């Protein structure tokens, strides 16, 4: 018998976790959520410098050589989400919603728009007008991209629908575009630049604060009860914590 509640979501934040570890954690949790052995989950975190290459697979959009990657300590992963290449690193809030989408009335593109709206609503709290570009996924402020989105829809084996994985990356700290984005053509988009919250406002807030502030917008958008942001589980295999 299921012990999960469809209106409840577990939200965790960790200040730094390696990409491979977080990816394995997502896959583990997706299986548990599908079997109703775990509550739906929102993982909020930061990664060390990492490039991820999605299903579009354009290796030419990675501009650094292997030697330059090693010198800068940037990892590279070819992964199973949609989209092109992007950067994750310190000063960026990465969010992985692992939630169930029922087959009835399923709108996969609508899910992407909902993720964008969560970030747009958070930006509005600071007087920043975030928006969309019809030809691209993500959140934009003018012609600069502040958040990238790339997701995977995992076919549920025990129910009719999907469990989502991967998610969004919101640039918070100043200068993040110089730290990592200059080594790639982000999402294959050459004509537009990226930006961050601090570069736009001159305000310096912590990534953890953004995680706390973004969570109510996520819960409201997806119909979950208000969630408390907790520390990432000390033992990721223990589903009772």
Protein backbone atom coordinates (compact mmCIF):
# COMPACT_ATOMS: atom_id res chain seq x y z
CA UNK A 1 0.00 0.00 0.00
CA UNK A 2 1.25 3.46 -0.87
CA UNK A 3 2.33 5.74 1.97
CA UNK A 4 2.82 8.78 -0.26
CA UNK A 5 0.59 11.84 -0.50
CA UNK A 6 0.10 13.49 -3.89
CA UNK A 7 -0.14 16.94 -2.30
CA UNK A 8 3.13 16.63 -0.38
CA UNK A 9 6.60 17.25 -1.79
CA UNK A 10 9.98 16.78 -0.12
CA UNK A 11 12.29 19.73 -0.80
CA UNK A 12 15.99 19.49 -0.01
CA UNK A 13 18.93 21.84 -0.47
CA UNK A 14 22.62 21.01 -0.48
CA UNK A 15 25.31 23.65 -1.05
CA UNK A 16 27.49 21.40 -3.23
CA UNK A 17 27.18 17.94 -4.74
CA UNK A 18 29.05 16.31 -7.61
CA UNK A 19 27.11 15.95 -10.83
CA UNK A 20 27.47 12.16 -11.07
CA UNK A 21 26.23 11.70 -7.51
CA UNK A 22 23.21 13.91 -8.08
CA UNK A 23 22.39 12.16 -11.36
CA UNK A 24 22.49 8.75 -9.66
CA UNK A 25 20.29 10.14 -6.89
CA UNK A 26 17.72 11.36 -9.42
CA UNK A 27 17.52 7.94 -11.08
CA UNK A 28 17.13 6.22 -7.71
CA UNK A 29 14.40 8.60 -6.58
CA UNK A 30 12.51 8.40 -9.89
CA UNK A 31 12.16 4.62 -9.45
CA UNK A 32 11.04 5.01 -5.84
CA UNK A 33 8.49 7.72 -6.71
CA UNK A 34 7.09 5.55 -9.51
CA UNK A 35 6.60 2.69 -7.02
CA UNK A 36 5.09 5.11 -4.48
CA UNK A 37 7.90 4.33 -2.05
CA UNK A 38 8.95 8.01 -1.83
CA UNK A 39 7.20 11.35 -1.81
CA UNK A 40 7.62 13.47 -4.90
CA UNK A 41 10.81 15.46 -4.48
CA UNK A 42 12.44 18.75 -5.43
CA UNK A 43 16.23 18.63 -5.19
CA UNK A 44 17.79 22.10 -4.91
CA UNK A 45 21.57 22.26 -5.01
CA UNK A 46 24.79 23.60 -6.46
CA UNK A 47 27.29 21.70 -8.59
CA UNK A 48 31.03 22.12 -8.98
CA UNK A 49 31.97 23.42 -12.47
CA UNK A 50 30.31 21.05 -14.95
CA UNK A 51 29.22 21.00 -18.58
CA UNK A 52 26.27 18.76 -19.44
CA UNK A 53 25.43 17.79 -23.00
CA UNK A 54 21.82 16.85 -23.69
CA UNK A 55 20.20 14.70 -26.36
CA UNK A 56 20.82 17.18 -29.19
CA UNK A 57 24.55 16.31 -28.96
CA UNK A 58 26.48 19.14 -30.59
CA UNK A 59 30.10 18.56 -29.52
CA UNK A 60 31.16 21.61 -31.52
CA UNK A 61 29.36 23.80 -28.94
CA UNK A 62 32.01 22.82 -26.38
CA UNK A 63 34.81 25.31 -27.06
CA UNK A 64 37.45 24.20 -24.54
CA UNK A 65 39.96 21.49 -25.34
CA UNK A 66 40.49 18.53 -23.00
CA UNK A 67 43.59 20.27 -21.67
CA UNK A 68 41.68 23.49 -20.95
CA UNK A 69 38.89 21.55 -19.24
CA UNK A 70 41.41 19.81 -17.02
CA UNK A 71 43.19 23.08 -16.24
CA UNK A 72 39.93 24.71 -15.17
CA UNK A 73 38.63 21.64 -13.33
CA UNK A 74 35.42 21.41 -15.36
CA UNK A 75 33.72 18.03 -15.70
CA UNK A 76 31.78 17.00 -18.82
CA UNK A 77 28.77 14.67 -18.86
CA UNK A 78 26.65 13.43 -21.75
CA UNK A 79 23.25 12.97 -20.17
CA UNK A 80 19.69 11.87 -20.90
CA UNK A 81 17.80 15.17 -20.75
CA UNK A 82 16.63 17.12 -23.77
CA UNK A 83 18.46 20.12 -25.13
CA UNK A 84 22.03 21.13 -25.93
CA UNK A 85 25.07 21.95 -23.80
CA UNK A 86 24.90 24.07 -20.66
CA UNK A 87 27.00 24.96 -17.65
CA UNK A 88 26.48 24.28 -13.94
CA UNK A 89 28.67 25.75 -11.24
CA UNK A 90 28.94 27.52 -7.91
CA UNK A 91 26.68 30.54 -7.65
CA UNK A 92 23.90 28.87 -9.60
CA UNK A 93 20.76 27.30 -8.12
CA UNK A 94 20.03 24.00 -9.83
CA UNK A 95 16.61 22.45 -9.32
CA UNK A 96 15.61 18.87 -10.12
CA UNK A 97 11.84 18.34 -9.75
CA UNK A 98 11.08 14.62 -9.50
CA UNK A 99 7.32 14.71 -9.76
CA UNK A 100 4.56 12.61 -11.24
CA UNK A 101 2.64 13.75 -14.32
CA UNK A 102 -0.58 11.84 -14.83
CA UNK A 103 -1.36 10.68 -18.37
CA UNK A 104 -4.83 12.22 -18.18
CA UNK A 105 -4.66 15.66 -19.79
CA UNK A 106 -0.87 15.45 -20.00
CA UNK A 107 0.81 18.53 -21.49
CA UNK A 108 4.59 18.06 -21.60
CA UNK A 109 5.24 21.50 -23.09
CA UNK A 110 2.96 22.95 -20.44
CA UNK A 111 5.26 21.47 -17.79
CA UNK A 112 8.19 23.44 -19.23
CA UNK A 113 6.11 26.62 -19.18
CA UNK A 114 5.24 25.96 -15.53
CA UNK A 115 8.91 25.64 -14.61
CA UNK A 116 9.61 28.91 -16.38
CA UNK A 117 6.73 30.56 -14.53
CA UNK A 118 8.17 29.56 -11.14
CA UNK A 119 11.33 31.54 -11.92
CA UNK A 120 9.44 34.41 -13.54
CA UNK A 121 7.31 34.76 -10.39
CA UNK A 122 10.40 34.73 -8.14
CA UNK A 123 12.11 37.40 -10.24
CA UNK A 124 8.98 39.57 -10.01
CA UNK A 125 9.46 39.74 -6.22
CA UNK A 126 12.60 41.77 -6.93
CA UNK A 127 11.02 43.94 -9.61
CA UNK A 128 12.69 42.02 -12.43
CA UNK A 129 10.56 41.33 -15.50
CA UNK A 130 11.41 37.83 -16.59
CA UNK A 131 9.93 36.44 -19.76
CA UNK A 132 10.14 33.88 -22.54
CA UNK A 133 11.39 33.72 -26.09
CA UNK A 134 9.00 31.68 -28.24
CA UNK A 135 11.77 29.82 -30.05
CA UNK A 136 13.71 28.88 -26.91
CA UNK A 137 13.11 27.19 -23.57
CA UNK A 138 14.23 29.04 -20.43
CA UNK A 139 13.74 32.38 -18.70
CA UNK A 140 15.00 35.64 -20.14
CA UNK A 141 15.42 39.21 -18.96
CA UNK A 142 15.38 41.21 -22.15
CA UNK A 143 17.77 39.48 -24.51
CA UNK A 144 19.81 37.80 -21.77
CA UNK A 145 19.13 34.33 -20.43
CA UNK A 146 19.02 34.00 -16.64
CA UNK A 147 17.77 30.41 -16.37
CA UNK A 148 18.15 27.32 -18.53
CA UNK A 149 15.72 24.41 -18.52
CA UNK A 150 16.24 20.85 -19.74
CA UNK A 151 14.14 17.91 -18.59
CA UNK A 152 13.47 14.23 -19.05
CA UNK A 153 10.10 12.49 -18.86
CA UNK A 154 10.58 8.99 -17.45
CA UNK A 155 7.78 6.62 -18.41
CA UNK A 156 6.16 5.36 -15.22
CA UNK A 157 6.10 1.57 -15.00
CA UNK A 158 3.51 1.21 -12.25
CA UNK A 159 1.13 4.04 -13.20
CA UNK A 160 -0.07 5.79 -16.36
CA UNK A 161 2.09 8.84 -16.84
CA UNK A 162 5.64 10.05 -16.29
CA UNK A 163 8.04 10.94 -13.49
CA UNK A 164 10.11 14.01 -14.37
CA UNK A 165 13.85 14.44 -13.86
CA UNK A 166 16.54 17.06 -14.55
CA UNK A 167 15.13 20.59 -14.46
CA UNK A 168 16.38 24.18 -14.26
CA UNK A 169 19.54 26.17 -13.56
CA UNK A 170 19.12 29.74 -12.29
CA UNK A 171 22.14 32.07 -12.36
CA UNK A 172 22.40 33.87 -9.02
CA UNK A 173 25.94 35.15 -8.38
CA UNK A 174 27.73 37.87 -10.39
CA UNK A 175 30.15 36.94 -13.15
CA UNK A 176 28.91 33.40 -13.61
CA UNK A 177 28.88 33.85 -17.38
CA UNK A 178 32.64 34.43 -17.25
CA UNK A 179 33.27 31.48 -14.94
CA UNK A 180 31.88 28.82 -17.23
CA UNK A 181 29.63 29.94 -20.04
CA UNK A 182 32.48 31.38 -22.11
CA UNK A 183 33.73 27.83 -22.69
CA UNK A 184 30.58 26.81 -24.57
CA UNK A 185 27.88 28.06 -26.90
CA UNK A 186 25.12 27.84 -24.25
CA UNK A 187 22.19 25.76 -25.50
CA UNK A 188 23.61 26.35 -28.99
CA UNK A 189 22.45 29.99 -28.90
CA UNK A 190 25.07 32.35 -30.32
CA UNK A 191 23.11 35.57 -30.71
CA UNK A 192 22.17 36.10 -27.04
CA UNK A 193 24.19 36.37 -23.82
CA UNK A 194 23.53 35.01 -20.33
CA UNK A 195 23.11 37.02 -17.13
CA UNK A 196 22.58 36.53 -13.40
CA UNK A 197 20.49 37.99 -10.60
CA UNK A 198 23.48 39.84 -9.11
CA UNK A 199 24.60 41.21 -12.47
CA UNK A 200 21.12 42.60 -13.06
CA UNK A 201 20.51 44.08 -9.62
CA UNK A 202 23.85 44.56 -7.91
CA UNK A 203 22.37 42.66 -4.95
CA UNK A 204 24.30 39.78 -3.43
CA UNK A 205 22.11 37.05 -1.95
CA UNK A 206 23.02 33.48 -1.18
CA UNK A 207 21.97 30.57 -3.34
CA UNK A 208 20.42 29.00 -0.25
CA UNK A 209 18.24 32.09 0.21
CA UNK A 210 17.06 31.77 -3.39
CA UNK A 211 16.21 28.12 -2.73
CA UNK A 212 14.07 29.14 0.26
CA UNK A 213 12.32 31.90 -1.68
CA UNK A 214 11.72 29.86 -4.83
CA UNK A 215 10.12 26.89 -3.07
CA UNK A 216 6.73 28.54 -2.32
CA UNK A 217 6.43 29.58 -5.97
CA UNK A 218 7.14 26.00 -7.06
CA UNK A 219 4.58 24.58 -4.63
CA UNK A 220 1.94 27.07 -5.75
CA UNK A 221 2.56 26.44 -9.44
CA UNK A 222 2.35 22.64 -9.14
CA UNK A 223 -0.34 22.38 -6.46
CA UNK A 224 1.76 21.07 -3.57
CA UNK A 225 1.31 21.99 0.05
CA UNK A 226 3.80 24.54 1.36
CA UNK A 227 7.08 22.69 1.90
CA UNK A 228 9.97 23.24 4.27
CA UNK A 229 13.41 23.23 2.68
CA UNK A 230 15.50 20.60 4.45
CA UNK A 231 19.13 19.53 4.21
CA UNK A 232 19.91 16.82 1.72
CA UNK A 233 19.66 13.39 3.32
CA UNK A 234 22.85 12.26 5.05
CA UNK A 235 22.14 8.77 3.79
CA UNK A 236 20.46 9.04 0.33
CA UNK A 237 19.45 5.35 0.47
CA UNK A 238 17.33 5.90 3.60
CA UNK A 239 13.86 6.75 2.30
CA UNK A 240 12.38 7.14 5.78
CA UNK A 241 14.22 10.40 6.56
